[in-house]
Amino acid sequence: MHVSVDKNICQGHGVCLMMAENLFDIDDEDGLAYVMKQPENDAERDLARQAQGNCPERAISITDTADLPTETAVRATGK
């Protein structure tokens, strides 16, 4: 799983941060959310999905790394 936030869509509501504070943060400079850590276990993956489903702007994308080309998947997971 690879989680990303589209800063062109995000409005900085912070719902993702409230739902998964260990995965998301708000940039002090632009006030927009960003992924500070990719999910590493089932609990974190569930939190990422909940954050995605509750984002009022639908700015969070989740990609199954199995669907990515190998080199992209390696960059996304760090493995």
N, C-alpha and C. Protein backbone atom coordinates (compact mmCIF):
# COMPACT_ATOMS: atom_id res chain seq x y z
N MET A 1 0.84 -1.18 0.00
CA MET A 1 0.00 0.00 0.00
C MET A 1 0.89 1.24 0.00
N HIS A 2 0.52 2.18 -0.85
CA HIS A 2 1.19 3.48 -0.88
C HIS A 2 0.12 4.56 -0.72
N VAL A 3 0.33 5.45 0.25
CA VAL A 3 -0.62 6.53 0.55
C VAL A 3 -0.01 7.85 0.11
N SER A 4 -0.83 8.69 -0.51
CA SER A 4 -0.35 10.03 -0.91
C SER A 4 -1.47 11.05 -0.72
N VAL A 5 -1.08 12.30 -0.59
CA VAL A 5 -2.02 13.41 -0.47
C VAL A 5 -1.77 14.35 -1.64
N ASP A 6 -2.82 14.67 -2.38
CA ASP A 6 -2.71 15.61 -3.50
C ASP A 6 -2.85 17.02 -2.93
N LYS A 7 -1.72 17.74 -2.90
CA LYS A 7 -1.73 19.09 -2.33
C LYS A 7 -2.48 20.09 -3.20
N ASN A 8 -2.80 19.70 -4.42
CA ASN A 8 -3.63 20.57 -5.26
C ASN A 8 -5.10 20.47 -4.89
N ILE A 9 -5.45 19.43 -4.14
CA ILE A 9 -6.84 19.22 -3.73
C ILE A 9 -7.03 19.49 -2.25
N CYS A 10 -6.05 19.13 -1.43
CA CYS A 10 -6.13 19.28 0.03
C CYS A 10 -6.42 20.74 0.40
N GLN A 11 -7.31 20.90 1.38
CA GLN A 11 -7.64 22.23 1.89
C GLN A 11 -7.18 22.42 3.33
N GLY A 12 -6.50 21.39 3.89
CA GLY A 12 -5.94 21.51 5.23
C GLY A 12 -6.94 21.37 6.36
N HIS A 13 -8.04 20.64 6.13
CA HIS A 13 -9.03 20.44 7.19
C HIS A 13 -8.45 19.67 8.38
N GLY A 14 -7.49 18.78 8.14
CA GLY A 14 -6.85 18.03 9.21
C GLY A 14 -7.56 16.79 9.66
N VAL A 15 -8.58 16.37 8.92
CA VAL A 15 -9.31 15.15 9.30
C VAL A 15 -8.37 13.95 9.28
N CYS A 16 -7.49 13.88 8.31
CA CYS A 16 -6.54 12.76 8.22
C CYS A 16 -5.65 12.71 9.45
N LEU A 17 -5.20 13.86 9.90
CA LEU A 17 -4.35 13.94 11.08
C LEU A 17 -5.11 13.47 12.32
N MET A 18 -6.37 13.86 12.42
CA MET A 18 -7.18 13.42 13.56
C MET A 18 -7.42 11.92 13.54
N MET A 19 -7.53 11.34 12.35
CA MET A 19 -7.82 9.91 12.24
C MET A 19 -6.57 9.05 12.33
N ALA A 20 -5.45 9.56 11.86
CA ALA A 20 -4.22 8.75 11.81
C ALA A 20 -3.01 9.65 12.03
N GLU A 21 -2.86 10.13 13.26
CA GLU A 21 -1.80 11.09 13.56
C GLU A 21 -0.39 10.53 13.40
N ASN A 22 -0.27 9.20 13.37
CA ASN A 22 1.05 8.62 13.17
C ASN A 22 1.40 8.49 11.68
N LEU A 23 0.44 8.75 10.78
CA LEU A 23 0.69 8.64 9.35
C LEU A 23 0.71 10.00 8.63
N PHE A 24 -0.08 10.94 9.13
CA PHE A 24 -0.24 12.24 8.45
C PHE A 24 0.21 13.38 9.36
N ASP A 25 0.57 14.48 8.75
CA ASP A 25 0.85 15.71 9.49
C ASP A 25 0.45 16.88 8.61
N ILE A 26 0.46 18.06 9.19
CA ILE A 26 0.13 19.28 8.47
C ILE A 26 1.41 20.09 8.30
N ASP A 27 1.69 20.50 7.08
CA ASP A 27 2.87 21.29 6.77
C ASP A 27 2.71 22.69 7.39
N ASP A 28 3.69 23.11 8.18
CA ASP A 28 3.64 24.42 8.83
C ASP A 28 3.67 25.57 7.83
N GLU A 29 4.27 25.35 6.67
CA GLU A 29 4.41 26.43 5.69
C GLU A 29 3.13 26.68 4.89
N ASP A 30 2.51 25.59 4.38
CA ASP A 30 1.34 25.79 3.53
C ASP A 30 0.03 25.36 4.18
N GLY A 31 0.10 24.75 5.36
CA GLY A 31 -1.11 24.35 6.07
C GLY A 31 -1.81 23.14 5.48
N LEU A 32 -1.14 22.42 4.58
CA LEU A 32 -1.75 21.27 3.92
C LEU A 32 -1.19 19.97 4.47
N ALA A 33 -1.99 18.93 4.36
CA ALA A 33 -1.59 17.62 4.87
C ALA A 33 -0.53 16.98 3.98
N TYR A 34 0.26 16.11 4.61
CA TYR A 34 1.20 15.28 3.87
C TYR A 34 1.36 13.97 4.61
N VAL A 35 1.83 12.96 3.89
CA VAL A 35 2.07 11.65 4.49
C VAL A 35 3.47 11.68 5.08
N MET A 36 3.57 11.50 6.39
CA MET A 36 4.89 11.51 7.01
C MET A 36 5.44 10.09 7.17
N LYS A 37 4.56 9.09 7.06
CA LYS A 37 4.99 7.70 7.21
C LYS A 37 4.00 6.80 6.49
N GLN A 38 4.50 5.87 5.71
CA GLN A 38 3.65 4.91 5.03
C GLN A 38 3.20 3.84 6.03
N PRO A 39 1.97 3.32 5.88
CA PRO A 39 1.48 2.28 6.78
C PRO A 39 2.37 1.03 6.72
N GLU A 40 2.62 0.47 7.90
CA GLU A 40 3.51 -0.69 7.99
C GLU A 40 2.81 -1.96 8.47
N ASN A 41 1.59 -1.82 8.95
CA ASN A 41 0.88 -3.00 9.46
C ASN A 41 -0.61 -2.86 9.19
N ASP A 42 -1.37 -3.89 9.50
CA ASP A 42 -2.81 -3.88 9.20
C ASP A 42 -3.54 -2.75 9.90
N ALA A 43 -3.19 -2.47 11.14
CA ALA A 43 -3.86 -1.40 11.88
C ALA A 43 -3.62 -0.05 11.20
N GLU A 44 -2.38 0.20 10.79
CA GLU A 44 -2.08 1.47 10.11
C GLU A 44 -2.73 1.53 8.74
N ARG A 45 -2.80 0.41 8.04
CA ARG A 45 -3.48 0.40 6.74
C ARG A 45 -4.96 0.71 6.92
N ASP A 46 -5.58 0.18 7.96
CA ASP A 46 -6.99 0.49 8.24
C ASP A 46 -7.17 1.97 8.55
N LEU A 47 -6.25 2.55 9.33
CA LEU A 47 -6.34 3.98 9.63
C LEU A 47 -6.19 4.82 8.37
N ALA A 48 -5.29 4.42 7.48
CA ALA A 48 -5.11 5.16 6.22
C ALA A 48 -6.39 5.12 5.39
N ARG A 49 -7.03 3.95 5.34
CA ARG A 49 -8.29 3.83 4.59
C ARG A 49 -9.39 4.69 5.22
N GLN A 50 -9.43 4.71 6.55
CA GLN A 50 -10.43 5.54 7.23
C GLN A 50 -10.19 7.02 6.95
N ALA A 51 -8.92 7.43 6.98
CA ALA A 51 -8.59 8.82 6.67
C ALA A 51 -8.99 9.15 5.24
N GLN A 52 -8.72 8.24 4.32
CA GLN A 52 -9.09 8.45 2.91
C GLN A 52 -10.61 8.61 2.79
N GLY A 53 -11.34 7.74 3.44
CA GLY A 53 -12.80 7.77 3.34
C GLY A 53 -13.44 8.98 3.99
N ASN A 54 -12.74 9.60 4.94
CA ASN A 54 -13.29 10.74 5.66
C ASN A 54 -12.73 12.09 5.21
N CYS A 55 -11.79 12.08 4.27
CA CYS A 55 -11.23 13.34 3.77
C CYS A 55 -12.33 14.10 3.02
N PRO A 56 -12.70 15.30 3.50
CA PRO A 56 -13.79 16.03 2.85
C PRO A 56 -13.48 16.45 1.42
N GLU A 57 -12.22 16.55 1.07
CA GLU A 57 -11.84 16.96 -0.28
C GLU A 57 -11.45 15.78 -1.17
N ARG A 58 -11.41 14.57 -0.60
CA ARG A 58 -10.99 13.36 -1.33
C ARG A 58 -9.58 13.53 -1.90
N ALA A 59 -8.68 14.10 -1.07
CA ALA A 59 -7.32 14.39 -1.50
C ALA A 59 -6.35 13.23 -1.24
N ILE A 60 -6.80 12.20 -0.52
CA ILE A 60 -5.92 11.08 -0.18
C ILE A 60 -6.11 9.95 -1.18
N SER A 61 -4.99 9.48 -1.71
CA SER A 61 -5.01 8.34 -2.64
C SER A 61 -4.28 7.18 -2.00
N ILE A 62 -4.83 5.99 -2.22
CA ILE A 62 -4.19 4.77 -1.76
C ILE A 62 -4.02 3.86 -2.96
N THR A 63 -2.79 3.43 -3.17
CA THR A 63 -2.48 2.54 -4.28
C THR A 63 -1.94 1.24 -3.71
N ASP A 64 -2.43 0.14 -4.22
CA ASP A 64 -1.89 -1.16 -3.86
C ASP A 64 -0.55 -1.29 -4.55
N THR A 65 0.52 -1.46 -3.78
CA THR A 65 1.85 -1.52 -4.39
C THR A 65 2.00 -2.71 -5.33
N ALA A 66 1.13 -3.71 -5.22
CA ALA A 66 1.17 -4.84 -6.16
C ALA A 66 0.77 -4.38 -7.57
N ASP A 67 0.04 -3.25 -7.65
CA ASP A 67 -0.39 -2.72 -8.94
C ASP A 67 0.64 -1.79 -9.58
N LEU A 68 1.71 -1.47 -8.84
CA LEU A 68 2.72 -0.55 -9.35
C LEU A 68 3.83 -1.30 -10.06
N PRO A 69 4.50 -0.67 -11.03
CA PRO A 69 5.69 -1.29 -11.61
C PRO A 69 6.71 -1.53 -10.50
N THR A 70 7.56 -2.52 -10.65
CA THR A 70 8.48 -2.94 -9.60
C THR A 70 9.30 -1.79 -9.02
N GLU A 71 9.95 -0.98 -9.85
CA GLU A 71 10.80 0.08 -9.31
C GLU A 71 9.99 1.13 -8.56
N THR A 72 8.76 1.41 -8.99
CA THR A 72 7.91 2.36 -8.29
C THR A 72 7.47 1.77 -6.95
N ALA A 73 7.14 0.49 -6.94
CA ALA A 73 6.73 -0.17 -5.70
C ALA A 73 7.87 -0.17 -4.69
N VAL A 74 9.08 -0.36 -5.16
CA VAL A 74 10.24 -0.34 -4.26
C VAL A 74 10.40 1.05 -3.66
N ARG A 75 10.28 2.10 -4.47
CA ARG A 75 10.37 3.46 -3.94
C ARG A 75 9.23 3.75 -2.96
N ALA A 76 8.03 3.27 -3.26
CA ALA A 76 6.86 3.53 -2.42
C ALA A 76 6.98 2.85 -1.06
N THR A 77 7.52 1.66 -1.02
CA THR A 77 7.59 0.90 0.22
C THR A 77 8.94 1.02 0.89
N GLY A 78 9.95 1.46 0.16
CA GLY A 78 11.29 1.55 0.70
C GLY A 78 11.97 0.20 0.81
N LYS A 79 11.41 -0.83 0.17
CA LYS A 79 11.98 -2.18 0.26
C LYS A 79 12.30 -2.70 -1.11
